[in-house]
Each structure stands twice: as structure tokens, then as C-alpha cells.
């Protein structure tokens, strides 16, 4: 959430385990960054207990649990959703590969 809402200049933002959607922690998330020049990677687990689509704390108001809608107006954004994965995204063996591939 910190990277997604930070209003400073950044050419790349990497969001880990935050759906960029309405949730108990951030009822009205506003993503910061230049929609034309800021590249955004969001990696989520489909079974995230805090921000996933099926979480009882977040599952309302059309929450999808991955942030694709929230990032749709960023020209260069990508959402990676790991099926069956929870909140600890960096424990996934694919995470580092996906981050490096996005930065390349």
C-alpha cells in the first residue's frame, strides 16, 4: 500500500500483496503516480487472507482481490495473481523471477 499511494515521483512501483481496492485497511484507496509514465507491477495471491476476493474483511463493493481494475488506467501496468497463494508473496518461488522480468 505504501508504494501504491506514495505521491512522489517514481518510474516503477512494485506492489506486493495489496489489491488496490476497498478494504478494511484502506477504505478509499487512491493510487498515485503518472498514469502515462509510471510502470506498476502488482503481485497478489488468490487466497490472500487480508485483501483477497473471498476475505470476509474485504469482500464487498465488488472487490476482485487483484487490483486489475484499479490499475487499468496506468498505461504500463501488470497484475500477477498466484492461484492458491496467500499473503506472503515473496515466499513464492516465482516472485523474484516475475519482479526481475517486469524490471527488464
Protein backbone atom coordinates (compact mmCIF):
# COMPACT_ATOMS: atom_id res chain seq x y z
CA UNK A 1 0.00 0.00 0.00
CA UNK A 2 2.86 2.39 0.77
CA UNK A 3 4.31 2.11 -2.74
CA UNK A 4 0.90 2.37 -4.39
CA UNK A 5 -0.24 5.51 -2.59
CA UNK A 6 3.14 7.29 -2.29
CA UNK A 7 2.71 10.55 -4.25
CA UNK A 8 6.39 11.12 -5.06
CA UNK A 9 7.94 10.65 -8.48
CA UNK A 10 8.81 7.07 -9.37
CA UNK A 11 9.29 5.44 -12.74
CA UNK A 12 8.37 1.99 -11.32
CA UNK A 13 6.18 0.87 -8.45
CA UNK A 14 6.03 -2.72 -7.24
CA UNK A 15 3.04 -3.62 -5.10
CA UNK A 16 3.10 -6.88 -3.16
CA UNK A 17 0.00 -8.43 -1.59
CA UNK A 18 -2.26 -5.37 -1.79
CA UNK A 19 -5.30 -5.46 -4.06
CA UNK A 20 -5.52 -1.67 -4.55
CA UNK A 21 -9.23 -1.96 -3.71
CA UNK A 22 -11.64 -1.01 -0.94
CA UNK A 23 -10.73 -2.98 2.18
CA UNK A 24 -10.70 -2.81 5.97
CA UNK A 25 -7.25 -1.17 5.99
CA UNK A 26 -7.81 1.42 3.29
CA UNK A 27 -11.49 2.17 2.63
CA UNK A 28 -10.85 4.55 -0.26
CA UNK A 29 -7.52 3.71 -1.91
CA UNK A 30 -6.14 6.26 -4.35
CA UNK A 31 -3.19 5.15 -6.43
CA UNK A 32 -0.58 7.82 -7.00
CA UNK A 33 1.72 8.18 -9.97
CA UNK A 34 1.71 9.42 -13.51
CA UNK A 35 -0.70 7.17 -15.41
CA UNK A 36 1.36 7.60 -18.59
CA UNK A 37 4.90 7.11 -17.29
CA UNK A 38 4.77 5.16 -14.01
CA UNK A 39 5.09 1.41 -14.55
CA UNK A 40 3.24 -0.64 -11.91
CA UNK A 41 3.58 -4.32 -11.06
CA UNK A 42 1.08 -5.79 -8.60
CA UNK A 43 1.60 -9.36 -7.34
CA UNK A 44 -1.21 -10.95 -5.34
CA UNK A 45 -2.15 -14.36 -4.03
CA UNK A 46 -5.67 -15.51 -4.92
CA UNK A 47 -6.18 -16.67 -1.33
CA UNK A 48 -4.79 -13.60 0.40
CA UNK A 49 -6.45 -13.56 3.84
CA UNK A 50 -6.39 -9.75 4.08
CA UNK A 51 -7.03 -8.44 0.57
CA UNK A 52 -8.31 -11.40 -1.43
CA UNK A 53 -11.71 -11.51 -3.09
CA UNK A 54 -13.04 -14.06 -0.59
CA UNK A 55 -11.79 -12.43 2.59
CA UNK A 56 -14.68 -11.53 4.90
CA UNK A 57 -12.99 -8.25 5.85
CA UNK A 58 -12.61 -7.06 2.26
CA UNK A 59 -15.18 -8.95 0.18
CA UNK A 60 -17.71 -6.24 -0.52
CA UNK A 61 -18.32 -3.45 -3.03
CA UNK A 62 -17.19 -5.60 -5.96
CA UNK A 63 -13.73 -6.42 -4.60
CA UNK A 64 -11.92 -8.62 -7.12
CA UNK A 65 -8.84 -9.27 -4.99
CA UNK A 66 -6.16 -8.43 -7.56
CA UNK A 67 -6.26 -4.75 -8.48
CA UNK A 68 -6.62 -5.03 -12.26
CA UNK A 69 -9.47 -2.51 -12.34
CA UNK A 70 -7.59 -0.06 -10.11
CA UNK A 71 -4.54 -0.26 -12.37
CA UNK A 72 -6.40 -0.20 -15.69
CA UNK A 73 -5.75 3.50 -16.25
CA UNK A 74 -1.98 3.08 -15.89
CA UNK A 75 -0.59 2.65 -19.42
CA UNK A 76 2.12 0.21 -18.34
CA UNK A 77 0.84 -1.98 -15.52
CA UNK A 78 0.77 -5.69 -14.89
CA UNK A 79 -1.06 -7.83 -12.35
CA UNK A 80 0.26 -11.27 -11.42
CA UNK A 81 -2.12 -13.48 -9.44
CA UNK A 82 -0.73 -16.65 -7.90
CA UNK A 83 -3.51 -19.26 -7.62
CA UNK A 84 -3.91 -20.74 -4.15
CA UNK A 85 -1.33 -18.39 -2.66
CA UNK A 86 -1.76 -16.27 0.48
CA UNK A 87 -0.28 -13.00 1.69
CA UNK A 88 3.44 -13.85 1.87
CA UNK A 89 4.14 -13.17 -1.81
CA UNK A 90 7.93 -13.11 -1.55
CA UNK A 91 7.87 -16.71 -0.29
CA UNK A 92 6.54 -17.78 -3.69
CA UNK A 93 9.40 -19.22 -5.79
CA UNK A 94 8.14 -17.28 -8.84
CA UNK A 95 8.07 -13.84 -7.20
CA UNK A 96 11.68 -12.83 -7.79
CA UNK A 97 11.52 -14.01 -11.40
CA UNK A 98 8.33 -12.00 -12.04
CA UNK A 99 9.80 -8.86 -10.47
CA UNK A 100 13.06 -9.09 -12.43
CA UNK A 101 11.20 -9.82 -15.68
CA UNK A 102 9.00 -6.75 -15.16
CA UNK A 103 12.02 -4.53 -14.47
CA UNK A 104 13.80 -5.81 -17.58
